[in-house]
Amino acid sequence: MNARTINSQRVLHIVVPARAEYLSLIRLVVAGIAARSGFSADSIADIKVALSEASSNVIRHAYATDTPYAERVIEINCYDDNGSLLLEVTDHGHGMPILPPPSEGLGFGIMGSLMDKVDVETADDGTSVLMSKLSMTARR
């Protein structure tokens, strides 16, 4: 998968196993970054839910059942972009259909309603979801 170019300062790069027990860890880490960046409690809650949706998609859909567990990972990058938090959730699985079936596309709707922007790139070697949220101080 081609890495996208992001012209912002990366403040976090973490790789965790694509397993549900790691969701609380990544939510706490990203919530801490958002709090330090001046996001309100409501915005932090939105960011945590969107992160959970994107990460849960990786856990449920990204990897074939014969993929060794050691290769099933979620890669998360956070970027500070002048009052915006950019959150990138990447897997190295088999990609996804451009349009997920309606029964499986609810998470993208949730992410889109909670974040200011959601962009998805997918290929045979993985999927990357880039989400952004503007802080209240930057909105003024």
Protein backbone atom coordinates (compact mmCIF):
# COMPACT_ATOMS: atom_id res chain seq x y z
CA MET A 1 0.00 0.00 0.00
CA ASN A 2 1.34 3.42 -0.88
CA ALA A 3 1.86 5.66 2.11
CA ARG A 4 0.00 8.93 1.84
CA THR A 5 1.87 12.16 2.34
CA ILE A 6 0.77 14.15 5.36
CA ASN A 7 2.42 17.52 5.88
CA SER A 8 1.80 17.79 9.60
CA GLN A 9 3.79 16.97 12.71
CA ARG A 10 3.36 13.34 13.76
CA VAL A 11 2.83 13.12 17.51
CA LEU A 12 2.11 9.40 17.76
CA HIS A 13 2.99 6.21 15.91
CA ILE A 14 1.85 3.00 17.54
CA VAL A 15 1.41 -0.53 16.24
CA VAL A 16 -0.70 -2.97 18.24
CA PRO A 17 -2.05 -6.45 17.58
CA ALA A 18 -5.42 -6.38 15.79
CA ARG A 19 -7.25 -7.73 18.83
CA ALA A 20 -10.16 -6.27 20.78
CA GLU A 21 -8.26 -6.16 24.08
CA TYR A 22 -6.02 -3.42 22.65
CA LEU A 23 -8.88 -1.03 21.84
CA SER A 24 -8.97 0.50 25.32
CA LEU A 25 -5.20 1.13 25.21
CA ILE A 26 -5.28 2.98 21.90
CA ARG A 27 -8.38 4.94 22.95
CA LEU A 28 -6.61 6.13 26.11
CA VAL A 29 -3.43 7.11 24.29
CA VAL A 30 -5.27 9.05 21.56
CA ALA A 31 -7.59 10.66 24.15
CA GLY A 32 -4.51 11.90 26.01
CA ILE A 33 -3.12 13.46 22.85
CA ALA A 34 -6.48 15.09 22.07
CA ALA A 35 -6.74 16.48 25.62
CA ARG A 36 -3.22 17.89 25.40
CA SER A 37 -4.18 19.49 22.09
CA GLY A 38 -7.08 21.38 23.67
CA PHE A 39 -10.07 19.30 22.58
CA SER A 40 -13.23 19.41 24.69
CA ALA A 41 -14.49 16.35 26.54
CA ASP A 42 -17.28 15.95 23.96
CA SER A 43 -14.83 16.11 21.06
CA ILE A 44 -12.53 13.61 22.77
CA ALA A 45 -15.47 11.24 23.18
CA ASP A 46 -16.24 11.61 19.45
CA ILE A 47 -12.60 10.91 18.55
CA LYS A 48 -12.54 7.81 20.76
CA VAL A 49 -15.70 6.39 19.18
CA ALA A 50 -14.44 7.07 15.64
CA LEU A 51 -11.10 5.44 16.51
CA SER A 52 -12.91 2.42 17.92
CA GLU A 53 -15.00 2.07 14.76
CA ALA A 54 -11.98 2.23 12.46
CA SER A 55 -9.96 -0.15 14.64
CA SER A 56 -12.87 -2.59 15.01
CA ASN A 57 -13.13 -2.72 11.22
CA VAL A 58 -9.49 -3.80 11.10
CA ILE A 59 -10.09 -6.49 13.72
CA ARG A 60 -13.21 -7.85 11.99
CA HIS A 61 -12.43 -7.47 8.31
CA ALA A 62 -8.82 -6.68 7.40
CA TYR A 63 -7.05 -9.99 7.68
CA ALA A 64 -7.71 -13.39 6.16
CA THR A 65 -8.29 -16.18 8.65
CA ASP A 66 -5.01 -17.83 7.58
CA THR A 67 -2.96 -14.67 8.29
CA PRO A 68 -0.59 -15.42 11.19
CA TYR A 69 -1.59 -13.56 14.36
CA ALA A 70 1.81 -11.84 14.53
CA GLU A 71 1.06 -10.16 11.17
CA ARG A 72 -2.42 -8.94 12.15
CA VAL A 73 -1.77 -5.40 13.35
CA ILE A 74 -3.38 -1.99 13.62
CA GLU A 75 -1.07 0.92 12.90
CA ILE A 76 -2.13 4.28 14.29
CA ASN A 77 -0.62 7.67 13.55
CA CYS A 78 -1.75 10.98 15.03
CA TYR A 79 -0.75 14.31 13.57
CA ASP A 80 -1.07 17.84 14.92
CA ASP A 81 -2.19 20.10 12.10
CA ASN A 82 -2.59 23.63 13.53
CA GLY A 83 -5.61 22.93 15.71
CA SER A 84 -6.75 19.84 13.84
CA LEU A 85 -6.05 16.34 14.99
CA LEU A 86 -5.44 13.95 12.10
CA LEU A 87 -5.89 10.32 13.00
CA GLU A 88 -4.75 7.60 10.60
CA VAL A 89 -5.71 3.96 11.18
CA THR A 90 -3.97 1.51 8.85
CA ASP A 91 -3.96 -2.24 8.37
CA HIS A 92 -1.84 -4.42 6.13
CA GLY A 93 -4.60 -6.85 5.20
CA HIS A 94 -6.25 -7.73 1.92
CA GLY A 95 -8.02 -4.43 1.27
CA MET A 96 -11.75 -3.89 1.12
CA PRO A 97 -14.44 -3.35 -1.46
CA ILE A 98 -14.72 0.32 -2.41
CA LEU A 99 -18.36 0.30 -1.32
CA PRO A 100 -18.90 -1.97 1.68
CA PRO A 101 -22.23 -3.78 1.82
CA PRO A 102 -24.92 -1.69 3.60
CA SER A 103 -24.93 -4.09 6.54
CA GLU A 104 -21.20 -3.51 7.06
CA GLY A 105 -20.91 0.18 6.20
CA LEU A 106 -22.47 1.61 9.36
CA GLY A 107 -19.11 2.29 11.00
CA PHE A 108 -18.10 4.67 8.22
CA GLY A 109 -21.32 6.61 8.72
CA ILE A 110 -20.62 6.88 12.43
CA MET A 111 -17.05 8.03 11.79
CA GLY A 112 -18.30 10.59 9.28
CA SER A 113 -20.85 12.01 11.68
CA LEU A 114 -18.34 12.35 14.54
CA MET A 115 -15.31 13.63 12.68
CA ASP A 116 -14.98 16.65 10.37
CA LYS A 117 -13.53 14.60 7.52
CA VAL A 118 -12.99 10.91 6.78
CA ASP A 119 -10.98 9.62 3.84
CA VAL A 120 -10.38 5.95 2.98
CA GLU A 121 -7.65 4.51 0.78
CA THR A 122 -7.60 0.79 0.07
CA ALA A 123 -5.45 -1.56 -1.98
CA ASP A 124 -4.64 -5.26 -2.10
CA ASP A 125 -2.08 -4.79 0.67
CA GLY A 126 -4.13 -2.81 3.17
CA THR A 127 -6.53 -0.03 4.02
CA SER A 128 -5.92 3.36 5.60
CA VAL A 129 -8.60 5.55 7.17
CA LEU A 130 -7.63 9.18 7.72
CA MET A 131 -9.94 11.20 9.96
CA SER A 132 -9.65 14.80 11.07
CA LYS A 133 -11.26 16.83 13.81
CA LEU A 134 -10.85 20.55 14.34
CA SER A 135 -10.56 21.71 17.96
CA MET A 136 -12.99 24.28 19.31
CA THR A 137 -10.16 26.78 19.82
CA ALA A 138 -9.18 26.46 16.16
CA ARG A 139 -12.81 26.98 15.05
CA ARG A 140 -12.87 30.49 16.50
